[in-house]
Amino acid sequence: MSTPASATTATGAGTGGRPERPRRRRRGPSSRVHPLLYAFTLPALIIYVIFFVIPTLQAVQYSATDWDGFSADYENVGIGNFDRLLTGDTLFLNALTNNLKFMVVVVVFQTILALILAIFLVRNTRGSTLLRGLFFFPTILSSVSVAYIFKFIYDPNFGLGNRVLEAVGLDALTSSYLGNDEAAIYWVAITQVWFHAGQMMVIFIAGLQAVPRELYEAAEIDGAGRWKQFTAITWPMLAPATAIVVAYTTIQSFKAFDLILGLGGNPPKTSLDILSTRIYSTFANSEFGYAATQSIIFMLFIAAIVVVQRRMLKLTQKEA
């Protein structure tokens, strides 16, 4: 009994009982990129090289010198600047400690607050839209404006913070805020959270609205409660949005230069000094070579923290 040709093709059997090799799919004309199209990337590439690659390479070059930023000559000091920074610069170590405290408070509380706001305001109702706008409003303000607003709030004598506490009978909780060296950096961190929580809320809302409703309906049929739905559906599906929020918030916390200067003055006192303001002070002291060394360590430090955060976030999402 002969086998029909269509059946042979369907079972993959060729002539002589040998299986036919899968045919290679030809690329259609739409998948080909004309070489001339790569030329459109040249303007962006040139700008990137001029404003990022070349300055970065120059910073590496100057980090091994004692250049003061003005003289035509300078001497190579090798790894002397790195040795000074890593072994004997207590001001840099203090700024690093302050920055880590600032980053931890901002990343944790800003992410949690933005996520809570997004969960409550994810529905596209009029009330939710209005509240989203109100919470997002601080983001459009300049850092200097925000700094001066909170400078009035944190004033220990006439500020709104102590006035409200005294009005409700909580005099024991009044504080000197920025005047308290032990807690000053945390008050600045609270300002940063208020400043950018609305911005991160928008990213979380976009992530929540992308989660298919069918998943929640299936979970409800299976008897899953709200918390189980959050840990089994919402949190894993929010992984990309959470990664963006955490990475962006971390970088923001290391770049809070203008907020620190607005609240703490220029130069800020030791309790408010963070890495970006420390590097600025070193530049202002005409130590460009040493400031370049600090900038390189600063850049590597941020990159390392972001990589560690992404790995920890992936592990958390897998466990959920």
Protein backbone atom coordinates (compact mmCIF):
# COMPACT_ATOMS: atom_id res chain seq x y z
CA MET A 1 0.00 0.00 0.00
CA SER A 2 1.54 3.24 -1.18
CA THR A 3 1.88 6.22 1.19
CA PRO A 4 0.34 9.48 0.00
CA ALA A 5 2.76 12.32 -0.65
CA SER A 6 0.95 14.61 1.78
CA ALA A 7 1.20 12.00 4.54
CA THR A 8 4.93 11.58 3.86
CA THR A 9 5.46 15.28 4.20
CA ALA A 10 3.44 15.45 7.39
CA THR A 11 5.39 12.64 9.12
CA GLY A 12 8.73 14.06 7.97
CA ALA A 13 9.72 10.79 6.16
CA GLY A 14 11.64 11.31 2.95
CA THR A 15 12.57 8.96 0.16
CA GLY A 16 14.09 5.68 1.29
CA GLY A 17 12.63 6.02 4.81
CA ARG A 18 15.04 8.81 5.81
CA PRO A 19 13.61 11.74 7.74
CA GLU A 20 13.66 14.97 5.81
CA ARG A 21 15.76 17.79 7.14
CA PRO A 22 13.73 20.76 8.32
CA ARG A 23 13.70 23.37 5.65
CA ARG A 24 15.39 26.63 6.48
CA ARG A 25 13.08 29.56 6.58
CA ARG A 26 14.10 32.28 4.24
CA ARG A 27 14.25 35.75 5.62
CA GLY A 28 11.73 37.98 4.08
CA PRO A 29 12.67 41.31 2.62
CA SER A 30 11.10 43.08 5.65
CA SER A 31 13.68 41.57 8.07
CA ARG A 32 16.66 42.98 6.18
CA VAL A 33 18.13 46.26 7.34
CA HIS A 34 19.58 48.45 4.64
CA PRO A 35 23.20 49.35 5.53
CA LEU A 36 22.44 53.01 4.88
CA LEU A 37 20.05 53.04 7.85
CA TYR A 38 23.00 52.60 10.24
CA ALA A 39 24.15 56.04 9.16
CA PHE A 40 21.20 57.54 11.05
CA THR A 41 22.81 56.43 14.33
CA LEU A 42 25.97 58.43 13.62
CA PRO A 43 24.79 61.79 15.08
CA ALA A 44 23.80 60.15 18.38
CA LEU A 45 27.01 58.11 18.39
CA ILE A 46 29.15 61.20 17.79
CA ILE A 47 27.41 63.12 20.59
CA TYR A 48 27.84 60.15 22.93
CA VAL A 49 31.55 59.89 22.17
CA ILE A 50 32.15 63.66 22.56
CA PHE A 51 30.14 64.18 25.75
CA PHE A 52 30.58 60.84 27.52
CA VAL A 53 33.40 58.63 26.23
CA ILE A 54 36.08 61.33 25.84
CA PRO A 55 35.37 63.05 29.22
CA THR A 56 35.40 59.65 30.92
CA LEU A 57 38.77 58.80 29.40
CA GLN A 58 40.09 62.24 30.37
CA ALA A 59 38.89 61.68 33.95
CA VAL A 60 40.84 58.42 34.05
CA GLN A 61 43.90 60.26 32.74
CA TYR A 62 43.63 63.14 35.25
CA SER A 63 43.00 60.74 38.14
CA ALA A 64 46.68 59.80 37.98
CA THR A 65 47.86 63.43 38.15
CA ASP A 66 48.01 66.33 40.58
CA TRP A 67 46.44 68.79 38.10
CA ASP A 68 44.89 71.84 39.75
CA GLY A 69 42.56 72.61 36.85
CA PHE A 70 44.32 75.80 35.79
CA SER A 71 48.00 75.14 35.23
CA ALA A 72 49.30 73.98 31.89
CA ASP A 73 51.58 71.45 33.57
CA TYR A 74 50.96 68.66 36.01
CA GLU A 75 52.81 65.69 37.40
CA ASN A 76 51.83 62.06 37.24
CA VAL A 77 51.31 60.58 40.68
CA GLY A 78 50.36 57.07 39.58
CA ILE A 79 47.97 55.46 42.05
CA GLY A 80 48.78 58.04 44.70
CA ASN A 81 45.32 59.63 44.51
CA PHE A 82 43.61 56.25 44.85
CA ASP A 83 45.85 55.36 47.81
CA ARG A 84 45.02 58.68 49.50
CA LEU A 85 41.29 58.22 48.91
CA LEU A 86 41.05 54.61 50.07
CA THR A 87 43.34 54.85 53.10
CA GLY A 88 43.45 58.38 54.50
CA ASP A 89 40.52 60.53 53.35
CA THR A 90 38.14 60.67 56.31
CA LEU A 91 35.96 63.31 54.62
CA PHE A 92 35.29 61.00 51.67
CA LEU A 93 34.55 58.12 54.03
CA ASN A 94 32.13 60.33 55.98
CA ALA A 95 30.41 61.40 52.74
CA LEU A 96 30.14 57.74 51.66
CA THR A 97 28.57 56.79 55.00
CA ASN A 98 26.06 59.65 54.78
CA ASN A 99 25.22 58.71 51.20
CA LEU A 100 24.59 55.07 52.11
CA LYS A 101 22.26 56.11 54.94
CA PHE A 102 20.48 58.49 52.57
CA MET A 103 20.21 55.83 49.82
CA VAL A 104 18.80 53.12 52.09
CA VAL A 105 16.07 55.38 53.49
CA VAL A 106 15.15 56.81 50.09
CA VAL A 107 15.13 53.49 48.19
CA VAL A 108 13.13 51.61 50.83
CA PHE A 109 10.55 54.22 51.76
CA GLN A 110 10.14 55.80 48.33
CA THR A 111 9.62 52.42 46.66
CA ILE A 112 7.13 51.24 49.30
CA LEU A 113 5.21 54.53 49.31
CA ALA A 114 5.06 54.67 45.50
CA LEU A 115 3.85 51.06 45.33
CA ILE A 116 1.12 51.65 47.93
CA LEU A 117 -0.07 54.78 46.12
CA ALA A 118 -0.09 52.93 42.80
CA ILE A 119 -2.14 50.03 44.20
CA PHE A 120 -4.80 52.39 45.57
CA LEU A 121 -4.87 54.64 42.49
CA VAL A 122 -4.54 52.08 39.71
CA ARG A 123 -8.19 52.43 38.59
CA ASN A 124 -8.86 55.14 36.00
CA THR A 125 -11.57 56.98 37.94
CA ARG A 126 -11.88 60.77 38.25
CA GLY A 127 -10.84 60.70 41.89
CA SER A 128 -7.79 58.54 41.16
CA THR A 129 -6.75 60.76 38.27
CA LEU A 130 -7.01 63.87 40.47
CA LEU A 131 -5.00 62.28 43.27
CA ARG A 132 -2.36 61.05 40.82
CA GLY A 133 -1.89 64.61 39.65
CA LEU A 134 -1.59 65.89 43.22
CA PHE A 135 0.98 63.27 44.19
CA PHE A 136 2.92 63.82 40.97
CA PHE A 137 2.94 67.61 41.38
CA PRO A 138 6.12 67.85 43.57
CA THR A 139 8.09 66.20 40.76
CA ILE A 140 7.66 69.18 38.45
CA LEU A 141 9.11 71.55 41.06
CA SER A 142 12.78 72.43 40.96
CA SER A 143 15.08 70.95 43.58
CA VAL A 144 15.91 74.40 44.92
CA SER A 145 12.21 75.22 45.40
CA VAL A 146 11.65 71.96 47.26
CA ALA A 147 14.71 72.64 49.41
CA TYR A 148 13.42 76.07 50.44
CA ILE A 149 9.92 74.73 51.16
CA PHE A 150 11.35 72.16 53.55
CA LYS A 151 13.80 74.64 55.00
CA PHE A 152 10.79 76.59 56.28
CA ILE A 153 9.14 73.38 57.50
CA TYR A 154 12.32 72.25 59.32
CA ASP A 155 13.00 75.62 60.98
CA PRO A 156 13.22 74.72 64.69
CA ASN A 157 11.79 78.08 65.88
CA PHE A 158 9.18 79.11 63.35
CA GLY A 159 8.88 76.04 61.09
CA LEU A 160 5.62 74.29 60.27
CA GLY A 161 6.87 70.94 61.60
CA ASN A 162 7.29 71.99 65.22
CA ARG A 163 4.22 74.26 65.09
CA VAL A 164 1.98 71.33 64.09
CA LEU A 165 3.46 69.05 66.73
CA GLU A 166 2.95 71.68 69.43
CA ALA A 167 -0.62 72.31 68.24
CA VAL A 168 -1.58 68.66 68.69
CA GLY A 169 0.17 68.35 72.04
CA LEU A 170 3.21 66.39 70.85
CA ASP A 171 5.80 68.82 72.13
CA ALA A 172 8.09 65.96 73.09
CA LEU A 173 8.52 65.11 69.39
CA THR A 174 9.69 68.58 68.35
CA SER A 175 13.16 68.59 66.88
CA SER A 176 15.89 70.84 65.59
CA TYR A 177 15.73 68.77 62.36
CA LEU A 178 18.72 69.80 60.24
CA GLY A 179 20.42 71.14 63.36
CA ASN A 180 20.64 67.63 64.78
CA ASP A 181 23.80 66.15 63.26
CA GLU A 182 22.75 62.58 64.07
CA ALA A 183 19.43 62.84 62.21
CA ALA A 184 19.99 65.61 59.65
CA ILE A 185 20.67 63.29 56.70
CA TYR A 186 17.44 61.35 57.42
CA TRP A 187 15.36 64.55 57.29
CA VAL A 188 16.85 65.31 53.89
CA ALA A 189 16.00 61.75 52.84
CA ILE A 190 12.36 62.32 53.85
CA THR A 191 12.35 65.42 51.65
CA GLN A 192 13.67 63.36 48.74
CA VAL A 193 10.93 60.73 49.28
CA TRP A 194 8.23 63.44 49.23
CA PHE A 195 9.84 64.93 46.13
CA HIS A 196 9.92 61.82 43.90
CA ALA A 197 7.40 59.28 45.27
CA GLY A 198 4.74 60.52 42.83
CA GLN A 199 7.09 60.05 39.90
CA MET A 200 7.78 56.42 40.86
CA MET A 201 4.04 55.91 41.45
CA VAL A 202 3.41 56.53 37.74
CA ILE A 203 5.85 53.76 36.78
CA PHE A 204 4.17 51.32 39.16
CA ILE A 205 0.69 52.24 37.85
CA ALA A 206 1.85 51.50 34.29
CA GLY A 207 3.16 48.13 35.47
CA LEU A 208 -0.03 47.28 37.37
CA GLN A 209 -2.28 48.17 34.43
CA ALA A 210 -0.27 45.81 32.22
CA VAL A 211 -1.10 42.79 34.41
CA PRO A 212 -3.86 40.73 32.68
CA ARG A 213 -7.14 40.76 34.64
CA GLU A 214 -7.69 37.11 33.74
CA LEU A 215 -4.94 36.11 36.18
CA TYR A 216 -6.78 37.72 39.11
CA GLU A 217 -10.10 36.19 38.01
CA ALA A 218 -8.52 32.72 37.87
CA ALA A 219 -6.93 33.28 41.30
CA GLU A 220 -10.30 34.29 42.78
CA ILE A 221 -11.89 31.13 41.38
CA ASP A 222 -9.12 29.13 43.05
CA GLY A 223 -9.90 30.86 46.35
CA ALA A 224 -6.74 32.99 46.58
CA GLY A 225 -7.01 35.98 48.91
CA ARG A 226 -5.72 39.52 48.31
CA TRP A 227 -2.32 38.89 49.85
CA LYS A 228 -1.85 35.64 47.92
CA GLN A 229 -2.81 37.42 44.70
CA PHE A 230 -0.26 40.12 45.44
CA THR A 231 2.61 37.72 46.20
CA ALA A 232 1.78 35.22 43.41
CA ILE A 233 0.67 37.58 40.61
CA THR A 234 1.24 41.29 41.24
CA TRP A 235 4.75 41.20 42.69
CA PRO A 236 6.28 38.86 40.06
CA MET A 237 4.54 40.72 37.22
CA LEU A 238 5.85 44.03 38.58
CA ALA A 239 9.48 42.87 38.31
CA PRO A 240 10.42 45.12 35.35
CA ALA A 241 8.74 48.18 36.90
CA THR A 242 10.31 47.51 40.31
CA ALA A 243 13.76 47.12 38.75
CA ILE A 244 13.39 50.49 37.03
CA VAL A 245 12.14 52.21 40.20
CA VAL A 246 14.88 50.80 42.43
CA ALA A 247 17.69 51.53 39.96
CA TYR A 248 16.42 55.04 39.22
CA THR A 249 15.87 55.83 42.90
CA THR A 250 19.37 54.61 43.77
CA ILE A 251 20.96 56.83 41.14
CA GLN A 252 18.79 59.74 42.28
CA SER A 253 19.95 59.34 45.86
CA PHE A 254 23.57 59.71 44.76
CA LYS A 255 22.74 62.79 42.67
CA ALA A 256 20.82 64.77 45.31
CA PHE A 257 23.42 67.49 44.96
CA ASP A 258 21.15 70.52 44.59
CA LEU A 259 18.77 69.35 47.33
CA ILE A 260 21.66 68.99 49.77
CA LEU A 261 23.07 72.40 48.90
CA GLY A 262 19.62 74.02 49.13
CA LEU A 263 19.00 72.59 52.61
CA GLY A 264 22.55 72.53 53.96
CA GLY A 265 24.25 75.48 52.26
CA ASN A 266 27.47 75.52 50.29
CA PRO A 267 29.55 73.75 51.35
CA PRO A 268 27.22 71.60 53.48
CA LYS A 269 28.22 70.74 57.00
CA THR A 270 29.83 67.37 57.63
CA SER A 271 26.61 65.66 58.68
CA LEU A 272 24.99 66.52 55.31
CA ASP A 273 27.97 65.93 53.06
CA ILE A 274 27.38 63.22 50.44
CA LEU A 275 29.61 61.95 47.65
CA SER A 276 28.47 64.41 44.98
CA THR A 277 28.95 67.43 47.26
CA ARG A 278 32.33 66.07 48.44
CA ILE A 279 33.51 65.80 44.82
CA TYR A 280 32.25 69.32 44.15
CA SER A 281 34.16 70.65 47.17
CA THR A 282 37.33 68.94 45.94
CA PHE A 283 36.92 70.57 42.52
CA ALA A 284 36.30 73.93 44.24
CA ASN A 285 39.60 73.47 46.14
CA SER A 286 41.42 73.25 42.80
CA GLU A 287 42.27 69.56 43.22
CA PHE A 288 41.01 68.44 39.82
CA GLY A 289 43.21 65.35 39.68
CA TYR A 290 42.02 64.10 43.04
CA ALA A 291 38.41 65.02 42.23
CA ALA A 292 38.69 62.90 39.05
CA THR A 293 39.80 59.98 41.23
CA GLN A 294 36.80 60.49 43.52
CA SER A 295 34.51 60.65 40.47
CA ILE A 296 35.78 57.32 39.13
CA ILE A 297 35.29 55.60 42.50
CA PHE A 298 31.85 57.24 42.71
CA MET A 299 30.85 55.89 39.28
CA LEU A 300 32.11 52.38 40.03
CA PHE A 301 30.34 52.39 43.39
CA ILE A 302 26.97 53.27 41.84
CA ALA A 303 27.42 50.61 39.14
CA ALA A 304 28.24 47.96 41.76
CA ILE A 305 25.22 48.84 43.91
CA VAL A 306 22.84 48.76 40.94
CA VAL A 307 24.16 45.34 39.85
CA VAL A 308 23.75 43.94 43.39
CA GLN A 309 20.24 45.39 43.65
CA ARG A 310 19.18 43.84 40.35
CA ARG A 311 20.46 40.42 41.42
CA MET A 312 18.71 40.65 44.79
CA LEU A 313 15.50 41.78 43.09
CA LYS A 314 15.59 38.83 40.70
CA LEU A 315 16.02 36.40 43.60
CA THR A 316 13.10 38.03 45.42
CA GLN A 317 10.88 37.81 42.36
CA LYS A 318 11.77 34.13 41.85
CA GLU A 319 10.96 33.31 45.47
CA ALA A 320 7.61 35.08 45.13
